[in-house]
Amino acid sequence: MEAPRSAVVVNPVKVPDLESLRRTVCAVLARAGWPEPEWYETTRDDAGFGQATKAVENSAEVVFVCGGDGTVTACVTALAGTDVALAVLPAGTGNLLAANLGLNSDVATAVEVAVQGGRRRIDVGVVEDRCFVVMAGMGFDAQMLQGTSETAKKHLGWLAYVAGAVKHLRDRPMPIVVSLDGGPPMRRRSRTVIVGNVGRLQGGVKLLSDADPADGLLDVAILSPDTLLHWAALAWGVVRGRPRKPLMETYTARRVEIRSGRRQPRQLDGDLIAPGASMSITLRHRALVLCVPQPDSDPDLAHDVGATRRAAHGAQDGR
């Protein structure tokens, strides 16, 4: 069987030593008998979508992504609906997808995961023309990202987000209307609405206990703390891993509509997008092939490794 072709999409701003990255990736692939990958660097104007699309056009079967959350999200958007597998290489200070996959170790281990052939087809969420695989949010969670500097993230890692959060604990709630799958509108005075595909936040904290990235459902959390005491109670419930958390309602849906009376900060997978007064989120079931450790591999994809070069862009549900 011919060895799989691969490509690396890398954000040079997030990777301090590109040569070391290249040596590590190529060494692991060479030991497995894979050819040297093509390399694509992101730019200020293109966070990775164009580079990942080019890799697919050049018959890559695995695309390694090395950068922050914005780079990963851009590549997910390019690869969703194809049979090309995404392999996440830990880099940057956020990278929520790597954290949820347990890949916050080293690059060599992450490349080995792809080489060993574990694959899983997962759902992706869609907001406007962008996909996400971890969480989308409107309100406080995006404010927290807004209030966290790159310098702080570089020196403190995920703890920098705590400082960003403290700045906004006393902000006013936002009046919102939430509709799930076209159902009746739910009116709330909320601090944030988080729509998740997986459950873990920065630092390994699990917010959405039942989230499964392949169940065909988005998990919706409406958080409504109003005082510091409320925030403390909610935080304690999250840290303790309680199934029911105070001041947090949870639902599941395939389509989520959020509307507010004023423009709010918004984020996808830890990457800020333009503020807006609404957010419309839909689901594409099993649209993305992901490289995962072997025990988590999808048996339906056991024969996909190195056996297909199809790139069916735009296919609903990833078929």
C-alpha atoms as a PDB file:
ATOM      1  CA  MET A   1       0.000   0.000   0.000  1.00  0.00           C
ATOM      2  CA  GLU A   2       1.290   3.437  -0.921  1.00  0.00           C
ATOM      3  CA  ALA A   3       2.254   5.547   2.098  1.00  0.00           C
ATOM      4  CA  PRO A   4      -0.159   8.414   2.802  1.00  0.00           C
ATOM      5  CA  ARG A   5       0.646  11.883   1.572  1.00  0.00           C
ATOM      6  CA  SER A   6       0.512  14.670   4.123  1.00  0.00           C
ATOM      7  CA  ALA A   7       0.874  18.400   4.582  1.00  0.00           C
ATOM      8  CA  VAL A   8       1.661  20.727   7.469  1.00  0.00           C
ATOM      9  CA  VAL A   9      -0.149  24.037   7.940  1.00  0.00           C
ATOM     10  CA  VAL A  10       1.805  26.090  10.463  1.00  0.00           C
ATOM     11  CA  ASN A  11       1.346  29.506  12.019  1.00  0.00           C
ATOM     12  CA  PRO A  12       4.908  30.876  12.259  1.00  0.00           C
ATOM     13  CA  VAL A  13       3.867  33.419  14.897  1.00  0.00           C
ATOM     14  CA  LYS A  14       2.873  30.608  17.295  1.00  0.00           C
ATOM     15  CA  VAL A  15       5.889  28.376  16.614  1.00  0.00           C
ATOM     16  CA  PRO A  16       9.178  29.872  17.836  1.00  0.00           C
ATOM     17  CA  ASP A  17      11.436  27.297  16.145  1.00  0.00           C
ATOM     18  CA  LEU A  18      10.146  26.258  12.741  1.00  0.00           C
ATOM     19  CA  GLU A  19      13.272  24.261  11.890  1.00  0.00           C
ATOM     20  CA  SER A  20      12.935  22.171  15.031  1.00  0.00           C
ATOM     21  CA  LEU A  21       9.281  21.529  14.178  1.00  0.00           C
ATOM     22  CA  ARG A  22      10.216  20.478  10.644  1.00  0.00           C
ATOM     23  CA  ARG A  23      12.939  18.107  11.865  1.00  0.00           C
ATOM     24  CA  THR A  24      10.637  16.466  14.401  1.00  0.00           C
ATOM     25  CA  VAL A  25       7.716  15.984  12.011  1.00  0.00           C
ATOM     26  CA  CYS A  26       9.872  14.684   9.178  1.00  0.00           C
ATOM     27  CA  ALA A  27      11.796  12.301  11.447  1.00  0.00           C
ATOM     28  CA  VAL A  28       8.652  10.660  12.817  1.00  0.00           C
ATOM     29  CA  LEU A  29       7.094  10.366   9.362  1.00  0.00           C
ATOM     30  CA  ALA A  30      10.295   8.964   7.868  1.00  0.00           C
ATOM     31  CA  ARG A  31      10.450   6.227  10.518  1.00  0.00           C
ATOM     32  CA  ALA A  32       6.915   5.248   9.541  1.00  0.00           C
ATOM     33  CA  GLY A  33       7.785   5.208   5.827  1.00  0.00           C
ATOM     34  CA  TRP A  34       5.720   8.282   4.997  1.00  0.00           C
ATOM     35  CA  PRO A  35       7.067  10.753   2.429  1.00  0.00           C
ATOM     36  CA  GLU A  36       8.105  14.237   3.535  1.00  0.00           C
ATOM     37  CA  PRO A  37       5.040  16.475   3.882  1.00  0.00           C
ATOM     38  CA  GLU A  38       4.326  19.657   1.989  1.00  0.00           C
ATOM     39  CA  TRP A  39       4.640  22.792   4.150  1.00  0.00           C
ATOM     40  CA  TYR A  40       2.340  25.792   4.184  1.00  0.00           C
ATOM     41  CA  GLU A  41       2.719  28.862   6.400  1.00  0.00           C
ATOM     42  CA  THR A  42      -0.263  30.966   7.407  1.00  0.00           C
ATOM     43  CA  THR A  43      -0.256  34.690   6.750  1.00  0.00           C
ATOM     44  CA  ARG A  44      -1.845  37.777   8.235  1.00  0.00           C
ATOM     45  CA  ASP A  45      -4.550  37.566   5.547  1.00  0.00           C
ATOM     46  CA  ASP A  46      -5.124  33.802   5.651  1.00  0.00           C
ATOM     47  CA  ALA A  47      -5.191  31.945   8.978  1.00  0.00           C
ATOM     48  CA  GLY A  48      -5.058  28.527   7.313  1.00  0.00           C
ATOM     49  CA  PHE A  49      -8.168  28.038   5.176  1.00  0.00           C
ATOM     50  CA  GLY A  50      -6.430  28.656   1.864  1.00  0.00           C
ATOM     51  CA  GLN A  51      -3.391  26.597   2.849  1.00  0.00           C
ATOM     52  CA  ALA A  52      -5.481  23.595   3.943  1.00  0.00           C
ATOM     53  CA  THR A  53      -7.590  23.849   0.787  1.00  0.00           C
ATOM     54  CA  LYS A  54      -4.415  23.807  -1.302  1.00  0.00           C
ATOM     55  CA  ALA A  55      -3.189  20.728   0.578  1.00  0.00           C
ATOM     56  CA  VAL A  56      -6.432  18.901  -0.274  1.00  0.00           C
ATOM     57  CA  GLU A  57      -6.120  19.914  -3.916  1.00  0.00           C
ATOM     58  CA  ASN A  58      -2.589  18.464  -3.900  1.00  0.00           C
ATOM     59  CA  SER A  59      -3.929  15.081  -2.694  1.00  0.00           C
ATOM     60  CA  ALA A  60      -2.911  15.235   0.956  1.00  0.00           C
ATOM     61  CA  GLU A  61      -4.633  12.541   3.013  1.00  0.00           C
ATOM     62  CA  VAL A  62      -3.593  13.979   6.388  1.00  0.00           C
ATOM     63  CA  VAL A  63      -3.204  17.681   7.186  1.00  0.00           C
ATOM     64  CA  PHE A  64      -1.159  18.473  10.294  1.00  0.00           C
ATOM     65  CA  VAL A  65      -2.122  21.793  11.876  1.00  0.00           C
ATOM     66  CA  CYS A  66       0.276  23.629  14.149  1.00  0.00           C
ATOM     67  CA  GLY A  67      -0.843  26.988  15.518  1.00  0.00           C
ATOM     68  CA  GLY A  68      -3.329  28.618  17.837  1.00  0.00           C
ATOM     69  CA  ASP A  69      -7.085  28.217  17.934  1.00  0.00           C
ATOM     70  CA  GLY A  70      -7.615  30.489  14.923  1.00  0.00           C
ATOM     71  CA  THR A  71      -5.336  28.340  12.760  1.00  0.00           C
ATOM     72  CA  VAL A  72      -7.084  25.140  13.811  1.00  0.00           C
ATOM     73  CA  THR A  73     -10.548  26.623  13.192  1.00  0.00           C
ATOM     74  CA  ALA A  74      -9.557  27.821   9.708  1.00  0.00           C
ATOM     75  CA  CYS A  75      -8.274  24.370   8.777  1.00  0.00           C
ATOM     76  CA  VAL A  76     -11.365  22.668  10.206  1.00  0.00           C
ATOM     77  CA  THR A  77     -13.481  24.901   7.966  1.00  0.00           C
ATOM     78  CA  ALA A  78     -11.437  23.840   4.928  1.00  0.00           C
ATOM     79  CA  LEU A  79     -11.455  20.108   5.707  1.00  0.00           C
ATOM     80  CA  ALA A  80     -15.048  19.656   6.920  1.00  0.00           C
ATOM     81  CA  GLY A  81     -16.971  17.610   4.366  1.00  0.00           C
ATOM     82  CA  THR A  82     -13.874  15.911   2.981  1.00  0.00           C
ATOM     83  CA  ASP A  83     -12.236  12.577   3.770  1.00  0.00           C
ATOM     84  CA  VAL A  84      -8.915  14.261   4.530  1.00  0.00           C
ATOM     85  CA  ALA A  85      -7.919  13.774   8.164  1.00  0.00           C
ATOM     86  CA  LEU A  86      -6.966  16.634  10.479  1.00  0.00           C
ATOM     87  CA  ALA A  87      -4.059  16.035  12.869  1.00  0.00           C
ATOM     88  CA  VAL A  88      -3.540  18.624  15.612  1.00  0.00           C
ATOM     89  CA  LEU A  89       0.012  19.439  16.683  1.00  0.00           C
ATOM     90  CA  PRO A  90       0.023  21.262  20.041  1.00  0.00           C
ATOM     91  CA  ALA A  91       1.149  24.873  19.751  1.00  0.00           C
ATOM     92  CA  GLY A  92       0.084  28.331  20.853  1.00  0.00           C
ATOM     93  CA  THR A  93      -1.366  29.136  24.248  1.00  0.00           C
ATOM     94  CA  GLY A  94      -4.941  28.052  23.691  1.00  0.00           C
ATOM     95  CA  ASN A  95      -5.601  25.207  21.289  1.00  0.00           C
ATOM     96  CA  LEU A  96      -8.781  23.925  22.844  1.00  0.00           C
ATOM     97  CA  LEU A  97      -9.084  21.030  20.406  1.00  0.00           C
ATOM     98  CA  ALA A  98      -5.653  19.667  21.374  1.00  0.00           C
ATOM     99  CA  ALA A  99      -6.626  19.977  25.033  1.00  0.00           C
ATOM    100  CA  ASN A 100      -9.851  18.039  24.510  1.00  0.00           C
ATOM    101  CA  LEU A 101      -7.946  15.331  22.615  1.00  0.00           C
ATOM    102  CA  GLY A 102      -5.366  15.007  25.370  1.00  0.00           C
ATOM    103  CA  LEU A 103      -2.605  16.108  22.977  1.00  0.00           C
ATOM    104  CA  ASN A 104      -1.018  18.775  25.175  1.00  0.00           C
ATOM    105  CA  SER A 105       2.254  16.849  25.284  1.00  0.00           C
ATOM    106  CA  ASP A 106       4.751  17.181  22.446  1.00  0.00           C
ATOM    107  CA  VAL A 107       4.807  17.338  18.674  1.00  0.00           C
ATOM    108  CA  ALA A 108       6.417  13.919  18.181  1.00  0.00           C
ATOM    109  CA  THR A 109       3.655  12.194  20.157  1.00  0.00           C
ATOM    110  CA  ALA A 110       0.966  14.023  18.185  1.00  0.00           C
ATOM    111  CA  VAL A 111       2.559  12.978  14.863  1.00  0.00           C
ATOM    112  CA  GLU A 112       2.712   9.381  16.124  1.00  0.00           C
ATOM    113  CA  VAL A 113      -1.039   9.528  16.763  1.00  0.00           C
ATOM    114  CA  ALA A 114      -1.615  10.285  13.077  1.00  0.00           C
ATOM    115  CA  VAL A 115       0.884   7.658  11.916  1.00  0.00           C
ATOM    116  CA  GLN A 116      -0.693   4.916  14.040  1.00  0.00           C
ATOM    117  CA  GLY A 117      -3.917   5.374  12.115  1.00  0.00           C
ATOM    118  CA  GLY A 118      -6.514   6.185  14.750  1.00  0.00           C
ATOM    119  CA  ARG A 119      -9.342   8.083  13.076  1.00  0.00           C
ATOM    120  CA  ARG A 120     -12.677   9.392  14.300  1.00  0.00           C
ATOM    121  CA  ARG A 121     -15.358  11.223  12.379  1.00  0.00           C
ATOM    122  CA  ILE A 122     -16.820  14.032  14.499  1.00  0.00           C
ATOM    123  CA  ASP A 123     -19.481  16.709  14.228  1.00  0.00           C
ATOM    124  CA  VAL A 124     -18.693  20.335  13.502  1.00  0.00           C
ATOM    125  CA  GLY A 125     -20.682  23.438  14.350  1.00  0.00           C
ATOM    126  CA  VAL A 126     -21.165  26.177  11.775  1.00  0.00           C
ATOM    127  CA  VAL A 127     -21.483  29.939  12.324  1.00  0.00           C
ATOM    128  CA  GLU A 128     -21.892  31.949   9.116  1.00  0.00           C
ATOM    129  CA  ASP A 129     -19.121  30.605   6.860  1.00  0.00           C
ATOM    130  CA  ARG A 130     -16.879  29.224   9.610  1.00  0.00           C
ATOM    131  CA  CYS A 131     -16.787  25.868  11.372  1.00  0.00           C
ATOM    132  CA  PHE A 132     -15.870  25.065  14.950  1.00  0.00           C
ATOM    133  CA  VAL A 133     -15.232  21.800  16.779  1.00  0.00           C
ATOM    134  CA  VAL A 134     -15.021  22.798  20.452  1.00  0.00           C
ATOM    135  CA  MET A 135     -17.259  25.716  21.469  1.00  0.00           C
ATOM    136  CA  ALA A 136     -18.916  28.858  20.200  1.00  0.00           C
ATOM    137  CA  GLY A 137     -19.923  31.574  22.617  1.00  0.00           C
ATOM    138  CA  MET A 138     -21.561  34.957  22.892  1.00  0.00           C
ATOM    139  CA  GLY A 139     -21.113  37.238  25.895  1.00  0.00           C
ATOM    140  CA  PHE A 140     -18.828  36.798  28.893  1.00  0.00           C
ATOM    141  CA  ASP A 141     -16.632  34.016  27.481  1.00  0.00           C
ATOM    142  CA  ALA A 142     -15.740  36.169  24.474  1.00  0.00           C
ATOM    143  CA  GLN A 143     -15.254  39.214  26.747  1.00  0.00           C
ATOM    144  CA  MET A 144     -12.756  37.140  28.712  1.00  0.00           C
ATOM    145  CA  LEU A 145     -10.787  36.436  25.538  1.00  0.00           C
ATOM    146  CA  GLN A 146     -10.970  40.096  24.587  1.00  0.00           C
ATOM    147  CA  GLY A 147      -9.508  41.094  27.946  1.00  0.00           C
ATOM    148  CA  THR A 148      -6.533  38.693  27.783  1.00  0.00           C
ATOM    149  CA  SER A 149      -3.355  39.959  26.155  1.00  0.00           C
ATOM    150  CA  GLU A 150      -1.065  37.855  24.010  1.00  0.00           C
ATOM    151  CA  THR A 151       1.813  38.731  26.337  1.00  0.00           C
ATOM    152  CA  ALA A 152      -0.077  37.380  29.347  1.00  0.00           C
ATOM    153  CA  LYS A 153      -0.981  34.184  27.488  1.00  0.00           C
ATOM    154  CA  LYS A 154       2.646  33.695  26.466  1.00  0.00           C
ATOM    155  CA  HIS A 155       3.896  33.927  30.056  1.00  0.00           C
ATOM    156  CA  LEU A 156       0.986  32.450  32.025  1.00  0.00           C
ATOM    157  CA  GLY A 157      -0.670  30.037  29.607  1.00  0.00           C
ATOM    158  CA  TRP A 158      -4.353  29.321  30.315  1.00  0.00           C
ATOM    159  CA  LEU A 159      -4.117  31.076  33.707  1.00  0.00           C
ATOM    160  CA  ALA A 160      -3.979  34.370  31.800  1.00  0.00           C
ATOM    161  CA  TYR A 161      -7.664  33.912  30.995  1.00  0.00           C
ATOM    162  CA  VAL A 162      -8.504  34.116  34.697  1.00  0.00           C
ATOM    163  CA  ALA A 163      -7.228  37.685  34.788  1.00  0.00           C
ATOM    164  CA  GLY A 164      -9.227  38.445  31.651  1.00  0.00           C
ATOM    165  CA  ALA A 165     -12.351  37.038  33.290  1.00  0.00           C
ATOM    166  CA  VAL A 166     -12.021  39.048  36.514  1.00  0.00           C
ATOM    167  CA  LYS A 167     -12.276  42.311  34.568  1.00  0.00           C
ATOM    168  CA  HIS A 168     -15.830  41.474  33.487  1.00  0.00           C
ATOM    169  CA  LEU A 169     -17.373  39.705  36.484  1.00  0.00           C
ATOM    170  CA  ARG A 170     -19.438  42.781  37.412  1.00  0.00           C
ATOM    171  CA  ASP A 171     -20.621  43.632  33.889  1.00  0.00           C
ATOM    172  CA  ARG A 172     -24.349  43.877  33.205  1.00  0.00           C
ATOM    173  CA  PRO A 173     -26.231  40.751  32.069  1.00  0.00           C
ATOM    174  CA  MET A 174     -27.338  40.734  28.450  1.00  0.00           C
ATOM    175  CA  PRO A 175     -31.031  40.332  27.608  1.00  0.00           C
ATOM    176  CA  ILE A 176     -31.210  37.446  25.127  1.00  0.00           C
ATOM    177  CA  VAL A 177     -33.680  35.267  23.290  1.00  0.00           C
ATOM    178  CA  VAL A 178     -32.602  31.669  22.616  1.00  0.00           C
ATOM    179  CA  SER A 179     -34.419  29.333  20.206  1.00  0.00           C
ATOM    180  CA  LEU A 180     -33.539  25.645  19.871  1.00  0.00           C
ATOM    181  CA  ASP A 181     -34.417  23.728  16.701  1.00  0.00           C
ATOM    182  CA  GLY A 182     -37.039  26.307  15.817  1.00  0.00           C
ATOM    183  CA  GLY A 183     -38.839  25.876  19.139  1.00  0.00           C
ATOM    184  CA  PRO A 184     -40.428  28.598  21.257  1.00  0.00           C
ATOM    185  CA  PRO A 185     -38.160  31.510  22.220  1.00  0.00           C
ATOM    186  CA  MET A 186     -36.629  31.435  25.700  1.00  0.00           C
ATOM    187  CA  ARG A 187     -36.056  34.896  27.165  1.00  0.00           C
ATOM    188  CA  ARG A 188     -33.219  35.273  29.658  1.00  0.00           C
ATOM    189  CA  ARG A 189     -30.946  37.834  31.284  1.00  0.00           C
ATOM    190  CA  SER A 190     -27.718  35.941  30.797  1.00  0.00           C
ATOM    191  CA  ARG A 191     -23.997  36.574  31.074  1.00  0.00           C
ATOM    192  CA  THR A 192     -23.080  34.175  28.295  1.00  0.00           C
ATOM    193  CA  VAL A 193     -24.388  31.423  26.065  1.00  0.00           C
ATOM    194  CA  ILE A 194     -21.945  28.648  25.182  1.00  0.00           C
ATOM    195  CA  VAL A 195     -22.686  26.100  22.466  1.00  0.00           C
ATOM    196  CA  GLY A 196     -20.345  23.144  22.739  1.00  0.00           C
ATOM    197  CA  ASN A 197     -19.336  20.128  20.710  1.00  0.00           C
ATOM    198  CA  VAL A 198     -17.002  18.859  23.445  1.00  0.00           C
ATOM    199  CA  GLY A 199     -16.983  19.642  27.130  1.00  0.00           C
ATOM    200  CA  ARG A 200     -13.592  20.875  28.337  1.00  0.00           C
ATOM    201  CA  LEU A 201     -12.496  24.485  28.774  1.00  0.00           C
ATOM    202  CA  GLN A 202      -9.002  25.864  29.297  1.00  0.00           C
ATOM    203  CA  GLY A 203      -7.103  24.171  32.116  1.00  0.00           C
ATOM    204  CA  GLY A 204      -9.004  20.915  31.642  1.00  0.00           C
ATOM    205  CA  VAL A 205     -12.169  22.166  33.378  1.00  0.00           C
ATOM    206  CA  LYS A 206     -15.212  20.255  32.121  1.00  0.00           C
ATOM    207  CA  LEU A 207     -18.203  22.547  31.626  1.00  0.00           C
ATOM    208  CA  LEU A 208     -20.498  20.303  29.574  1.00  0.00           C
ATOM    209  CA  SER A 209     -20.465  16.904  31.238  1.00  0.00           C
ATOM    210  CA  ASP A 210     -22.450  15.016  28.584  1.00  0.00           C
ATOM    211  CA  ALA A 211     -21.017  16.565  25.427  1.00  0.00           C
ATOM    212  CA  ASP A 212     -20.072  14.018  22.755  1.00  0.00           C
ATOM    213  CA  PRO A 213     -18.505  15.310  19.522  1.00  0.00           C
ATOM    214  CA  ALA A 214     -20.132  12.605  17.384  1.00  0.00           C
ATOM    215  CA  ASP A 215     -23.689  12.356  18.754  1.00  0.00           C
ATOM    216  CA  GLY A 216     -25.308  14.696  16.238  1.00  0.00           C
ATOM    217  CA  LEU A 217     -26.198  17.230  18.915  1.00  0.00           C
ATOM    218  CA  LEU A 218     -24.814  20.529  20.155  1.00  0.00           C
ATOM    219  CA  ASP A 219     -24.786  21.100  23.914  1.00  0.00           C
ATOM    220  CA  VAL A 220     -26.092  24.523  24.956  1.00  0.00           C
ATOM    221  CA  ALA A 221     -25.275  26.206  28.272  1.00  0.00           C
ATOM    222  CA  ILE A 222     -26.970  29.432  29.367  1.00  0.00           C
ATOM    223  CA  LEU A 223     -25.043  30.962  32.285  1.00  0.00           C
ATOM    224  CA  SER A 224     -26.821  33.590  34.376  1.00  0.00           C
ATOM    225  CA  PRO A 225     -24.729  34.586  37.425  1.00  0.00           C
ATOM    226  CA  ASP A 226     -25.346  38.168  38.495  1.00  0.00           C
ATOM    227  CA  THR A 227     -23.194  38.711  41.598  1.00  0.00           C
ATOM    228  CA  LEU A 228     -19.746  37.664  42.774  1.00  0.00           C
ATOM    229  CA  LEU A 229     -21.407  35.127  45.050  1.00  0.00           C
ATOM    230  CA  HIS A 230     -23.256  33.706  42.053  1.00  0.00           C
ATOM    231  CA  TRP A 231     -19.986  33.423  40.127  1.00  0.00           C
ATOM    232  CA  ALA A 232     -18.345  31.652  43.060  1.00  0.00           C
ATOM    233  CA  ALA A 233     -21.209  29.144  43.304  1.00  0.00           C
ATOM    234  CA  LEU A 234     -21.115  28.459  39.577  1.00  0.00           C
ATOM    235  CA  ALA A 235     -17.316  28.094  39.530  1.00  0.00           C
ATOM    236  CA  TRP A 236     -17.436  25.697  42.474  1.00  0.00           C
ATOM    237  CA  GLY A 237     -20.036  23.571  40.724  1.00  0.00           C
ATOM    238  CA  VAL A 238     -17.924  23.419  37.555  1.00  0.00           C
ATOM    239  CA  VAL A 239     -14.684  22.604  39.384  1.00  0.00           C
ATOM    240  CA  ARG A 240     -16.401  19.877  41.427  1.00  0.00           C
ATOM    241  CA  GLY A 241     -17.815  18.379  38.231  1.00  0.00           C
ATOM    242  CA  ARG A 242     -21.389  18.401  39.434  1.00  0.00           C
ATOM    243  CA  PRO A 243     -23.913  17.225  36.797  1.00  0.00           C
ATOM    244  CA  ARG A 244     -26.251  20.127  37.655  1.00  0.00           C
ATOM    245  CA  LYS A 245     -24.494  23.441  38.132  1.00  0.00           C
ATOM    246  CA  PRO A 246     -26.096  26.445  39.824  1.00  0.00           C
ATOM    247  CA  LEU A 247     -27.191  29.329  37.565  1.00  0.00           C
ATOM    248  CA  MET A 248     -26.535  27.264  34.438  1.00  0.00           C
ATOM    249  CA  GLU A 249     -29.239  25.768  32.203  1.00  0.00           C
ATOM    250  CA  THR A 250     -28.253  23.071  29.705  1.00  0.00           C
ATOM    251  CA  TYR A 251     -30.006  21.851  26.566  1.00  0.00           C
ATOM    252  CA  THR A 252     -29.215  19.963  23.364  1.00  0.00           C
ATOM    253  CA  ALA A 253     -30.121  20.930  19.813  1.00  0.00           C
ATOM    254  CA  ARG A 254     -29.027  20.745  16.182  1.00  0.00           C
ATOM    255  CA  ARG A 255     -29.803  24.401  15.498  1.00  0.00           C
ATOM    256  CA  VAL A 256     -29.358  27.264  17.947  1.00  0.00           C
ATOM    257  CA  GLU A 257     -30.422  30.895  17.487  1.00  0.00           C
ATOM    258  CA  ILE A 258     -29.233  33.533  19.960  1.00  0.00           C
ATOM    259  CA  ARG A 259     -30.429  37.143  19.751  1.00  0.00           C
ATOM    260  CA  SER A 260     -29.545  40.101  21.943  1.00  0.00           C
ATOM    261  CA  GLY A 261     -30.683  43.712  22.083  1.00  0.00           C
ATOM    262  CA  ARG A 262     -27.159  44.966  21.439  1.00  0.00           C
ATOM    263  CA  ARG A 263     -23.936  43.838  19.804  1.00  0.00           C
ATOM    264  CA  GLN A 264     -21.995  41.348  21.924  1.00  0.00           C
ATOM    265  CA  PRO A 265     -18.495  39.866  21.741  1.00  0.00           C
ATOM    266  CA  ARG A 266     -18.479  36.433  20.074  1.00  0.00           C
ATOM    267  CA  GLN A 267     -15.946  33.617  19.781  1.00  0.00           C
ATOM    268  CA  LEU A 268     -15.378  30.326  17.977  1.00  0.00           C
ATOM    269  CA  ASP A 269     -13.056  27.762  19.555  1.00  0.00           C
ATOM    270  CA  GLY A 270     -11.302  30.432  21.591  1.00  0.00           C
ATOM    271  CA  ASP A 271     -10.803  32.764  18.634  1.00  0.00           C
ATOM    272  CA  LEU A 272     -12.655  36.097  18.591  1.00  0.00           C
ATOM    273  CA  ILE A 273     -14.919  36.860  15.642  1.00  0.00           C
ATOM    274  CA  ALA A 274     -16.695  40.129  14.860  1.00  0.00           C
ATOM    275  CA  PRO A 275     -19.159  41.271  17.557  1.00  0.00           C
ATOM    276  CA  GLY A 276     -22.830  40.907  16.695  1.00  0.00           C
ATOM    277  CA  ALA A 277     -26.351  41.129  18.100  1.00  0.00           C
ATOM    278  CA  SER A 278     -27.143  37.566  17.068  1.00  0.00           C
ATOM    279  CA  MET A 279     -25.542  34.190  16.514  1.00  0.00           C
ATOM    280  CA  SER A 280     -26.979  31.387  14.380  1.00  0.00           C
ATOM    281  CA  ILE A 281     -25.359  27.978  14.903  1.00  0.00           C
ATOM    282  CA  THR A 282     -26.041  24.794  12.943  1.00  0.00           C
ATOM    283  CA  LEU A 283     -24.544  21.291  13.014  1.00  0.00           C
ATOM    284  CA  ARG A 284     -22.890  19.155  10.350  1.00  0.00           C
ATOM    285  CA  HIS A 285     -22.989  15.589  11.626  1.00  0.00           C
ATOM    286  CA  ARG A 286     -19.732  13.581  11.382  1.00  0.00           C
ATOM    287  CA  ALA A 287     -18.298  16.070   8.882  1.00  0.00           C
ATOM    288  CA  LEU A 288     -14.655  16.016  10.013  1.00  0.00           C
ATOM    289  CA  VAL A 289     -12.171  13.138  10.103  1.00  0.00           C
ATOM    290  CA  LEU A 290      -9.846  13.600  13.072  1.00  0.00           C
ATOM    291  CA  CYS A 291      -6.625  11.796  13.990  1.00  0.00           C
ATOM    292  CA  VAL A 292      -7.059  10.385  17.506  1.00  0.00           C
ATOM    293  CA  PRO A 293      -5.252   7.864  19.732  1.00  0.00           C
ATOM    294  CA  GLN A 294      -6.059   4.295  18.681  1.00  0.00           C
ATOM    295  CA  PRO A 295      -8.429   3.322  21.544  1.00  0.00           C
ATOM    296  CA  ASP A 296     -10.683   6.237  20.540  1.00  0.00           C
ATOM    297  CA  SER A 297     -10.644   5.330  16.864  1.00  0.00           C
ATOM    298  CA  ASP A 298     -13.901   4.959  14.931  1.00  0.00           C
ATOM    299  CA  PRO A 299     -14.234   1.346  13.648  1.00  0.00           C
ATOM    300  CA  ASP A 300     -16.133   2.639  10.614  1.00  0.00           C
ATOM    301  CA  LEU A 301     -12.960   4.432   9.531  1.00  0.00           C
ATOM    302  CA  ALA A 302     -10.481   1.626  10.127  1.00  0.00           C
ATOM    303  CA  HIS A 303      -9.891   1.188   6.389  1.00  0.00           C
ATOM    304  CA  ASP A 304      -9.751   4.884   5.540  1.00  0.00           C
ATOM    305  CA  VAL A 305      -6.084   5.332   6.471  1.00  0.00           C
ATOM    306  CA  GLY A 306      -4.005   5.825   3.341  1.00  0.00           C
ATOM    307  CA  ALA A 307      -6.783   4.355   1.196  1.00  0.00           C
ATOM    308  CA  THR A 308      -8.667   7.374  -0.075  1.00  0.00           C
ATOM    309  CA  ARG A 309      -7.854  10.628  -1.813  1.00  0.00           C
ATOM    310  CA  ARG A 310     -11.426  11.821  -2.116  1.00  0.00           C
ATOM    311  CA  ALA A 311     -12.240  15.405  -1.242  1.00  0.00           C
ATOM    312  CA  ALA A 312     -16.000  15.772  -1.442  1.00  0.00           C
ATOM    313  CA  HIS A 313     -16.203  19.459  -0.456  1.00  0.00           C
ATOM    314  CA  GLY A 314     -19.609  20.608   0.692  1.00  0.00           C
ATOM    315  CA  ALA A 315     -21.027  17.131   1.319  1.00  0.00           C
ATOM    316  CA  GLN A 316     -23.583  17.368   4.120  1.00  0.00           C
ATOM    317  CA  ASP A 317     -22.861  15.193   7.168  1.00  0.00           C
ATOM    318  CA  GLY A 318     -19.359  14.512   5.848  1.00  0.00           C
ATOM    319  CA  ARG A 319     -20.398  11.841   3.340  1.00  0.00           C
END
